[in-house]
Protein backbone atom coordinates (compact mmCIF):
# COMPACT_ATOMS: atom_id res chain seq x y z
CA UNK A 1 0.00 0.00 0.00
CA UNK A 2 1.09 3.57 -0.64
CA UNK A 3 2.12 6.06 2.00
CA UNK A 4 0.00 9.10 2.82
CA UNK A 5 2.49 11.31 0.97
CA UNK A 6 2.34 9.09 -2.13
CA UNK A 7 -1.45 9.21 -2.12
CA UNK A 8 -1.44 13.01 -1.89
CA UNK A 9 1.13 13.23 -4.68
CA UNK A 10 -0.98 10.95 -6.89
CA UNK A 11 -4.05 13.12 -6.35
CA UNK A 12 -2.05 16.27 -7.07
CA UNK A 13 -0.80 14.74 -10.33
CA UNK A 14 -4.38 13.93 -11.32
CA UNK A 15 -5.42 17.53 -10.73
CA UNK A 16 -2.50 18.72 -12.87
CA UNK A 17 -3.41 16.34 -15.68
CA UNK A 18 -7.02 17.54 -15.54
CA UNK A 19 -5.80 21.13 -15.91
CA UNK A 20 -3.78 20.17 -18.99
CA UNK A 21 -6.60 18.20 -20.57
CA UNK A 22 -9.03 21.05 -20.09
CA UNK A 23 -6.55 23.45 -21.70
CA UNK A 24 -5.21 21.35 -24.58
CA UNK A 25 -7.70 18.58 -25.49
CA UNK A 26 -10.60 19.68 -27.76
CA UNK A 27 -12.95 17.00 -26.41
CA UNK A 28 -12.20 17.67 -22.73
CA UNK A 29 -12.50 21.42 -23.33
CA UNK A 30 -16.03 21.03 -24.72
CA UNK A 31 -17.45 19.07 -21.78
CA UNK A 32 -20.04 20.55 -19.43
CA UNK A 33 -21.97 19.37 -16.37
CA UNK A 34 -24.79 18.26 -18.67
CA UNK A 35 -22.60 16.43 -21.18
CA UNK A 36 -20.82 14.48 -18.44
CA UNK A 37 -23.98 13.45 -16.57
CA UNK A 38 -24.90 10.37 -18.62
CA UNK A 39 -21.27 9.29 -18.79
CA UNK A 40 -21.08 9.45 -14.99
CA UNK A 41 -24.20 7.30 -14.68
CA UNK A 42 -22.67 4.76 -17.08
CA UNK A 43 -19.42 4.67 -15.09
CA UNK A 44 -21.39 4.13 -11.88
CA UNK A 45 -23.16 1.11 -13.35
CA UNK A 46 -19.86 -0.28 -14.60
CA UNK A 47 -18.53 -0.04 -11.05
CA UNK A 48 -21.68 -1.76 -9.78
CA UNK A 49 -21.12 -4.62 -12.26
CA UNK A 50 -17.51 -5.04 -11.15
CA UNK A 51 -18.56 -5.11 -7.49
CA UNK A 52 -21.26 -7.69 -8.23
CA UNK A 53 -18.67 -9.98 -9.86
CA UNK A 54 -15.99 -9.22 -7.23
CA UNK A 55 -13.53 -8.25 -9.98
CA UNK A 56 -11.09 -6.29 -7.84
CA UNK A 57 -8.96 -5.06 -10.73
CA UNK A 58 -12.03 -3.72 -12.48
CA UNK A 59 -13.31 -2.18 -9.23
CA UNK A 60 -10.02 -0.31 -9.00
CA UNK A 61 -10.32 0.81 -12.64
CA UNK A 62 -13.93 1.95 -12.34
CA UNK A 63 -13.22 3.83 -9.12
CA UNK A 64 -10.51 5.68 -11.03
CA UNK A 65 -13.01 6.60 -13.73
CA UNK A 66 -15.41 7.97 -11.11
CA UNK A 67 -12.67 9.97 -9.39
CA UNK A 68 -11.82 11.45 -12.79
CA UNK A 69 -15.43 12.55 -13.18
CA UNK A 70 -15.42 14.17 -9.73
CA UNK A 71 -12.24 16.05 -10.59
CA UNK A 72 -13.73 17.00 -13.97
CA UNK A 73 -16.89 18.45 -12.42
CA UNK A 74 -14.79 20.34 -9.86
CA UNK A 75 -12.61 21.77 -12.65
CA UNK A 76 -15.67 23.03 -14.52
CA UNK A 77 -17.02 24.45 -11.28
CA UNK A 78 -13.79 26.33 -10.64
CA UNK A 79 -13.80 27.78 -14.17
CA UNK A 80 -17.31 29.10 -13.54
CA UNK A 81 -16.27 30.54 -10.18
CA UNK A 82 -18.75 28.33 -8.35
CA UNK A 83 -16.54 25.89 -6.43
CA UNK A 84 -13.30 23.93 -6.74
CA UNK A 85 -12.06 20.53 -5.60
CA UNK A 86 -11.05 21.88 -2.18
CA UNK A 87 -14.64 23.06 -1.63
CA UNK A 88 -15.92 19.60 -2.59
CA UNK A 89 -13.55 17.85 -0.18
CA UNK A 90 -14.09 20.33 2.65
CA UNK A 91 -17.84 19.95 2.21
CA UNK A 92 -17.79 16.18 2.70
CA UNK A 93 -15.34 16.50 5.61
CA UNK A 94 -17.68 18.86 7.46
CA UNK A 95 -20.69 16.65 6.68
CA UNK A 96 -18.95 13.52 8.00
CA UNK A 97 -17.91 15.27 11.21
CA UNK A 98 -21.37 16.77 11.78
CA UNK A 99 -23.21 13.51 11.07
CA UNK A 100 -20.94 11.37 13.27
CA UNK A 101 -21.22 12.95 16.72
CA UNK A 102 -20.60 9.48 18.21
CA UNK A 103 -17.11 9.62 16.64
CA UNK A 104 -16.23 13.32 16.69
CA UNK A 105 -18.47 14.41 19.57
CA UNK A 106 -19.87 13.12 22.83
CA UNK A 107 -22.99 11.26 21.64
CA UNK A 108 -23.09 7.56 22.55
CA UNK A 109 -24.39 4.75 20.34
CA UNK A 110 -24.46 1.02 20.94
CA UNK A 111 -25.13 -0.35 17.45
CA UNK A 112 -25.38 0.50 13.74
CA UNK A 113 -29.15 0.94 13.99
CA UNK A 114 -28.75 3.84 16.39
CA UNK A 115 -26.22 5.40 14.02
CA UNK A 116 -28.83 5.36 11.23
CA UNK A 117 -31.47 6.86 13.52
CA UNK A 118 -29.09 9.64 14.53
CA UNK A 119 -28.18 10.19 10.88
CA UNK A 120 -31.78 10.86 9.88
CA UNK A 121 -32.35 13.08 12.92
CA UNK A 122 -29.27 15.14 12.07
CA UNK A 123 -30.31 15.47 8.42
CA UNK A 124 -33.63 16.94 9.56
CA UNK A 125 -31.65 19.46 11.64
CA UNK A 126 -29.81 20.41 8.44
CA UNK A 127 -33.07 21.63 6.95
CA UNK A 128 -34.57 18.59 5.19
CA UNK A 129 -38.35 19.03 5.23
CA UNK A 130 -39.00 15.29 5.10
CA UNK A 131 -37.15 12.14 6.06
CA UNK A 132 -37.68 11.06 2.45
CA UNK A 133 -36.33 14.24 0.86
CA UNK A 134 -32.85 12.75 0.51
CA UNK A 135 -34.02 10.00 -1.87
CA UNK A 136 -33.01 11.02 -5.43
CA UNK A 137 -35.96 11.32 -7.80
CA UNK A 138 -34.04 9.64 -10.63
CA UNK A 139 -33.10 6.49 -8.69
CA UNK A 140 -34.28 3.25 -10.35
CA UNK A 141 -37.65 2.29 -8.83
CA UNK A 142 -36.45 -0.90 -7.11
CA UNK A 143 -33.57 0.83 -5.34
CA UNK A 144 -35.76 3.85 -4.56
CA UNK A 145 -38.45 1.74 -2.86
CA UNK A 146 -35.79 0.12 -0.66
CA UNK A 147 -34.33 3.50 0.30
CA UNK A 148 -37.78 4.95 1.04
CA UNK A 149 -38.63 2.06 3.34
CA UNK A 150 -35.23 2.18 5.02
CA UNK A 151 -35.57 5.88 5.75
CA UNK A 152 -39.10 5.41 7.12
CA UNK A 153 -37.77 2.65 9.39
CA UNK A 154 -35.16 5.02 10.80
CA UNK A 155 -37.93 7.10 12.41
CA UNK A 156 -39.86 4.09 13.71
CA UNK A 157 -42.33 3.56 10.83
CA UNK A 158 -41.96 -0.20 10.46
CA UNK A 159 -43.48 -3.54 11.37
CA UNK A 160 -43.22 -4.53 15.04
CA UNK A 161 -42.20 -8.04 13.97
CA UNK A 162 -40.69 -8.71 10.56
CA UNK A 163 -42.82 -11.84 10.08
CA UNK A 164 -45.88 -9.58 9.78
CA UNK A 165 -44.70 -8.43 6.35
CA UNK A 166 -45.69 -11.76 4.79
CA UNK A 167 -49.37 -11.08 5.54
CA UNK A 168 -49.01 -7.85 3.56
CA UNK A 169 -47.28 -9.65 0.69
CA UNK A 170 -50.05 -12.26 0.51
CA UNK A 171 -52.69 -9.53 0.73
CA UNK A 172 -51.16 -7.81 -2.30
CA UNK A 173 -50.93 -11.12 -4.19
CA UNK A 174 -54.63 -11.66 -3.49
CA UNK A 175 -55.53 -8.21 -4.79
CA UNK A 176 -53.61 -8.78 -8.03
CA UNK A 177 -55.27 -12.17 -8.54
CA UNK A 178 -58.68 -10.65 -7.84
CA UNK A 179 -58.17 -8.00 -10.49
CA UNK A 180 -56.95 -10.57 -13.00
CA UNK A 181 -60.03 -12.67 -12.42
CA UNK A 182 -62.43 -9.74 -12.63
CA UNK A 183 -61.10 -7.80 -15.58
CA UNK A 184 -59.47 -4.92 -13.78
CA UNK A 185 -58.32 -1.94 -15.81
CA UNK A 186 -54.72 -1.65 -16.94
CA UNK A 187 -54.25 1.34 -14.62
CA UNK A 188 -55.57 -0.59 -11.60
CA UNK A 189 -53.44 -3.61 -12.49
CA UNK A 190 -50.34 -1.44 -12.69
CA UNK A 191 -51.14 0.07 -9.29
CA UNK A 192 -51.69 -3.31 -7.62
CA UNK A 193 -48.60 -4.90 -9.16
CA UNK A 194 -46.64 -1.88 -7.93
CA UNK A 195 -48.02 -2.43 -4.42
CA UNK A 196 -47.03 -6.10 -4.62
CA UNK A 197 -43.48 -5.30 -5.71
CA UNK A 198 -43.19 -2.68 -2.97
CA UNK A 199 -44.26 -5.24 -0.35
CA UNK A 200 -41.74 -7.82 -1.63
CA UNK A 201 -38.97 -5.20 -1.45
CA UNK A 202 -40.11 -4.47 2.10
CA UNK A 203 -39.83 -8.16 2.99
CA UNK A 204 -36.33 -8.33 1.52
CA UNK A 205 -35.30 -5.27 3.54
CA UNK A 206 -36.64 -6.74 6.79
CA UNK A 207 -34.65 -9.92 6.22
CA UNK A 208 -31.52 -7.90 5.36
CA UNK A 209 -31.50 -8.91 1.70
CA UNK A 210 -30.53 -6.25 -0.84
CA UNK A 211 -33.37 -6.55 -3.40
CA UNK A 212 -31.46 -4.94 -6.28
CA UNK A 213 -28.56 -7.36 -5.82
CA UNK A 214 -30.88 -10.33 -5.35
CA UNK A 215 -32.82 -9.55 -8.53
CA UNK A 216 -29.64 -8.94 -10.53
CA UNK A 217 -28.26 -12.33 -9.45
CA UNK A 218 -31.50 -13.93 -10.63
CA UNK A 219 -31.27 -12.01 -13.93
CA UNK A 220 -27.77 -13.37 -14.49
CA UNK A 221 -28.82 -16.88 -13.53
CA UNK A 222 -31.71 -16.75 -15.99
CA UNK A 223 -29.46 -15.43 -18.78
CA UNK A 224 -26.95 -18.24 -18.20
CA UNK A 225 -29.63 -20.93 -18.29
CA UNK A 226 -31.44 -19.42 -21.27
CA UNK A 227 -28.22 -19.27 -23.26
CA UNK A 228 -27.75 -22.96 -22.47
CA UNK A 229 -31.18 -23.58 -24.02
CA UNK A 230 -30.20 -21.63 -27.11
CA UNK A 231 -26.92 -23.50 -27.39
CA UNK A 232 -28.52 -26.94 -27.05
CA UNK A 233 -31.31 -26.04 -29.46
CA UNK A 234 -28.70 -24.99 -32.02
CA UNK A 235 -26.79 -28.23 -31.56
CA UNK A 236 -29.99 -30.18 -32.26
CA UNK A 237 -30.62 -28.19 -35.43
CA UNK A 238 -33.72 -26.47 -34.06
CA UNK A 239 -34.61 -22.97 -32.99
CA UNK A 240 -36.30 -22.46 -29.63
CA UNK A 241 -39.52 -21.56 -31.47
CA UNK A 242 -39.50 -25.02 -33.05
CA UNK A 243 -39.17 -26.76 -29.68
CA UNK A 244 -42.08 -27.83 -27.52
CA UNK A 245 -42.41 -26.54 -23.97
CA UNK A 246 -41.63 -30.05 -22.75
CA UNK A 247 -38.35 -30.12 -24.69
CA UNK A 248 -37.37 -26.70 -23.39
CA UNK A 249 -38.26 -27.68 -19.82
CA UNK A 250 -35.99 -30.72 -20.08
CA UNK A 251 -33.09 -28.54 -21.22
CA UNK A 252 -33.93 -26.00 -18.50
CA UNK A 253 -33.60 -28.67 -15.85
CA UNK A 254 -30.24 -29.65 -17.35
CA UNK A 255 -29.14 -26.01 -17.20
CA UNK A 256 -30.11 -25.80 -13.52
CA UNK A 257 -27.82 -28.71 -12.69
CA UNK A 258 -24.75 -27.09 -14.25
């Protein structure tokens, strides 16, 4: 591992390179907050993929890409006279100190749950009008529902016993089935399916399962097994459309055993 001085020198070099790129590279010179936004989102998802697969070299690479974006935004901010990288760093330093009074102050906590409760209380002191105001509007719906429920839990809005959530899940399943059997409108179906998904996310949260990660693992498992079907169908000289459901089910069971 590098020394503290080496780390500081590396960061200083990055800032110098960013200055040069902004001055001499036509592409870098043209970038704005808006033009970088989608690229930053893409880099974030690439980091998420690397973390999911535990590819440490790629995690290191993608973290570098994200740091570059942070430095880039700060450079643009400094050119506009709005803020620079020191302001960015000082801002997060002050936030961390203020939101961790159990580390930098005299508040006592006994577990991580109390830390979260304190965190939400402190954020309200900072001027947030609602506990939920810190949830980004543009978050994907699955992640957003988990964050909403987690924040509500931090102020005591939760089931007394986690097992109670299954009654809610089954209630929502029943409502969806009722609409299906009685010709509910598309709008009502969408609403009830949304309620069902929200309740399943809630169950995952209560059992300390990250729903986004769980669903992504299932996505990848399905892709792997479906590609096996495609491969075996090709080897038999058929397309999947030419196979019966029974034939595909047999191959699916084979795929599950691999």
